[in-house]
Amino acid sequence: MVIISLNLILSLAVIHLYFNEPERDYYATDGVSPPGELVAMNVPNMTSDPLLPDDPVNENVVLSIPE
């Protein structure tokens, strides 16, 4: 009887945690700048408009592979 009661309590705890999970936060970063929070959407983006703005163009930066 004790094992059945314990099993029932644990099952109800798992069900409670599954259905009351908080909404997740999403962030985007490029590894250099601080992360920016993204807005979660309920449906996929089916438009041709991007969700994030384009990266700024900086032509003065010289990119090199570290040795």
C-alpha atoms as a PDB file:
ATOM      1  CA  MET A   1       0.000   0.000   0.000  1.00  0.00           C
ATOM      2  CA  VAL A   2       2.905   2.340   0.798  1.00  0.00           C
ATOM      3  CA  ILE A   3       4.567   1.722  -2.576  1.00  0.00           C
ATOM      4  CA  ILE A   4       1.319   2.378  -4.454  1.00  0.00           C
ATOM      5  CA  SER A   5       0.782   5.634  -2.538  1.00  0.00           C
ATOM      6  CA  LEU A   6       4.360   6.739  -3.186  1.00  0.00           C
ATOM      7  CA  ASN A   7       4.033   5.870  -6.868  1.00  0.00           C
ATOM      8  CA  LEU A   8       0.796   7.871  -7.121  1.00  0.00           C
ATOM      9  CA  ILE A   9       2.345  10.916  -5.404  1.00  0.00           C
ATOM     10  CA  LEU A  10       5.411  10.846  -7.651  1.00  0.00           C
ATOM     11  CA  SER A  11       3.252  10.430 -10.769  1.00  0.00           C
ATOM     12  CA  LEU A  12       1.114  13.419  -9.799  1.00  0.00           C
ATOM     13  CA  ALA A  13       4.267  15.476  -9.135  1.00  0.00           C
ATOM     14  CA  VAL A  14       5.640  14.668 -12.600  1.00  0.00           C
ATOM     15  CA  ILE A  15       2.317  15.550 -14.260  1.00  0.00           C
ATOM     16  CA  HIS A  16       2.144  18.815 -12.308  1.00  0.00           C
ATOM     17  CA  LEU A  17       5.695  19.806 -13.324  1.00  0.00           C
ATOM     18  CA  TYR A  18       5.046  18.883 -16.963  1.00  0.00           C
ATOM     19  CA  PHE A  19       1.921  21.026 -17.363  1.00  0.00           C
ATOM     20  CA  ASN A  20       3.180  24.006 -15.296  1.00  0.00           C
ATOM     21  CA  GLU A  21       6.526  24.484 -17.041  1.00  0.00           C
ATOM     22  CA  PRO A  22       7.392  28.216 -17.345  1.00  0.00           C
ATOM     23  CA  GLU A  23       7.723  29.830 -20.753  1.00  0.00           C
ATOM     24  CA  ARG A  24      11.300  29.800 -22.009  1.00  0.00           C
ATOM     25  CA  ASP A  25      13.430  32.835 -22.804  1.00  0.00           C
ATOM     26  CA  TYR A  26      15.336  32.936 -26.090  1.00  0.00           C
ATOM     27  CA  TYR A  27      18.455  34.989 -26.780  1.00  0.00           C
ATOM     28  CA  ALA A  28      20.606  35.669 -29.838  1.00  0.00           C
ATOM     29  CA  THR A  29      24.276  36.598 -29.813  1.00  0.00           C
ATOM     30  CA  ASP A  30      27.274  36.551 -32.107  1.00  0.00           C
ATOM     31  CA  GLY A  31      29.744  35.840 -29.336  1.00  0.00           C
ATOM     32  CA  VAL A  32      31.075  39.401 -29.198  1.00  0.00           C
ATOM     33  CA  SER A  33      28.111  41.592 -28.345  1.00  0.00           C
ATOM     34  CA  PRO A  34      25.833  41.009 -25.355  1.00  0.00           C
ATOM     35  CA  PRO A  35      22.856  38.722 -25.985  1.00  0.00           C
ATOM     36  CA  GLY A  36      19.607  40.260 -27.205  1.00  0.00           C
ATOM     37  CA  GLU A  37      16.309  38.799 -26.094  1.00  0.00           C
ATOM     38  CA  LEU A  38      14.120  37.324 -28.823  1.00  0.00           C
ATOM     39  CA  VAL A  39      10.329  37.297 -28.833  1.00  0.00           C
ATOM     40  CA  ALA A  40       8.880  33.785 -28.838  1.00  0.00           C
ATOM     41  CA  MET A  41       6.302  33.179 -31.546  1.00  0.00           C
ATOM     42  CA  ASN A  42       3.435  30.677 -31.527  1.00  0.00           C
ATOM     43  CA  VAL A  43       3.638  30.133 -35.292  1.00  0.00           C
ATOM     44  CA  PRO A  44       6.607  29.933 -37.696  1.00  0.00           C
ATOM     45  CA  ASN A  45       7.630  33.020 -39.670  1.00  0.00           C
ATOM     46  CA  MET A  46       6.101  32.391 -43.095  1.00  0.00           C
ATOM     47  CA  THR A  47       6.822  35.902 -44.418  1.00  0.00           C
ATOM     48  CA  SER A  48       9.884  37.046 -46.344  1.00  0.00           C
ATOM     49  CA  ASP A  49      10.690  39.642 -43.654  1.00  0.00           C
ATOM     50  CA  PRO A  50      13.629  38.703 -41.394  1.00  0.00           C
ATOM     51  CA  LEU A  51      13.031  38.616 -37.659  1.00  0.00           C
ATOM     52  CA  LEU A  52      16.392  40.217 -36.821  1.00  0.00           C
ATOM     53  CA  PRO A  53      17.983  43.300 -38.384  1.00  0.00           C
ATOM     54  CA  ASP A  54      21.032  42.852 -40.603  1.00  0.00           C
ATOM     55  CA  ASP A  55      24.478  43.042 -39.048  1.00  0.00           C
ATOM     56  CA  PRO A  56      26.172  46.434 -39.454  1.00  0.00           C
ATOM     57  CA  VAL A  57      28.871  46.531 -42.108  1.00  0.00           C
ATOM     58  CA  ASN A  58      32.272  47.507 -40.735  1.00  0.00           C
ATOM     59  CA  GLU A  59      34.848  47.609 -43.536  1.00  0.00           C
ATOM     60  CA  ASN A  60      37.729  48.745 -41.292  1.00  0.00           C
ATOM     61  CA  VAL A  61      37.997  45.431 -39.440  1.00  0.00           C
ATOM     62  CA  VAL A  62      40.734  43.044 -40.612  1.00  0.00           C
ATOM     63  CA  LEU A  63      39.773  39.449 -39.976  1.00  0.00           C
ATOM     64  CA  SER A  64      42.596  36.971 -39.481  1.00  0.00           C
ATOM     65  CA  ILE A  65      42.935  33.433 -38.276  1.00  0.00           C
ATOM     66  CA  PRO A  66      44.887  33.228 -34.985  1.00  0.00           C
ATOM     67  CA  GLU A  67      48.042  31.118 -35.091  1.00  0.00           C
END
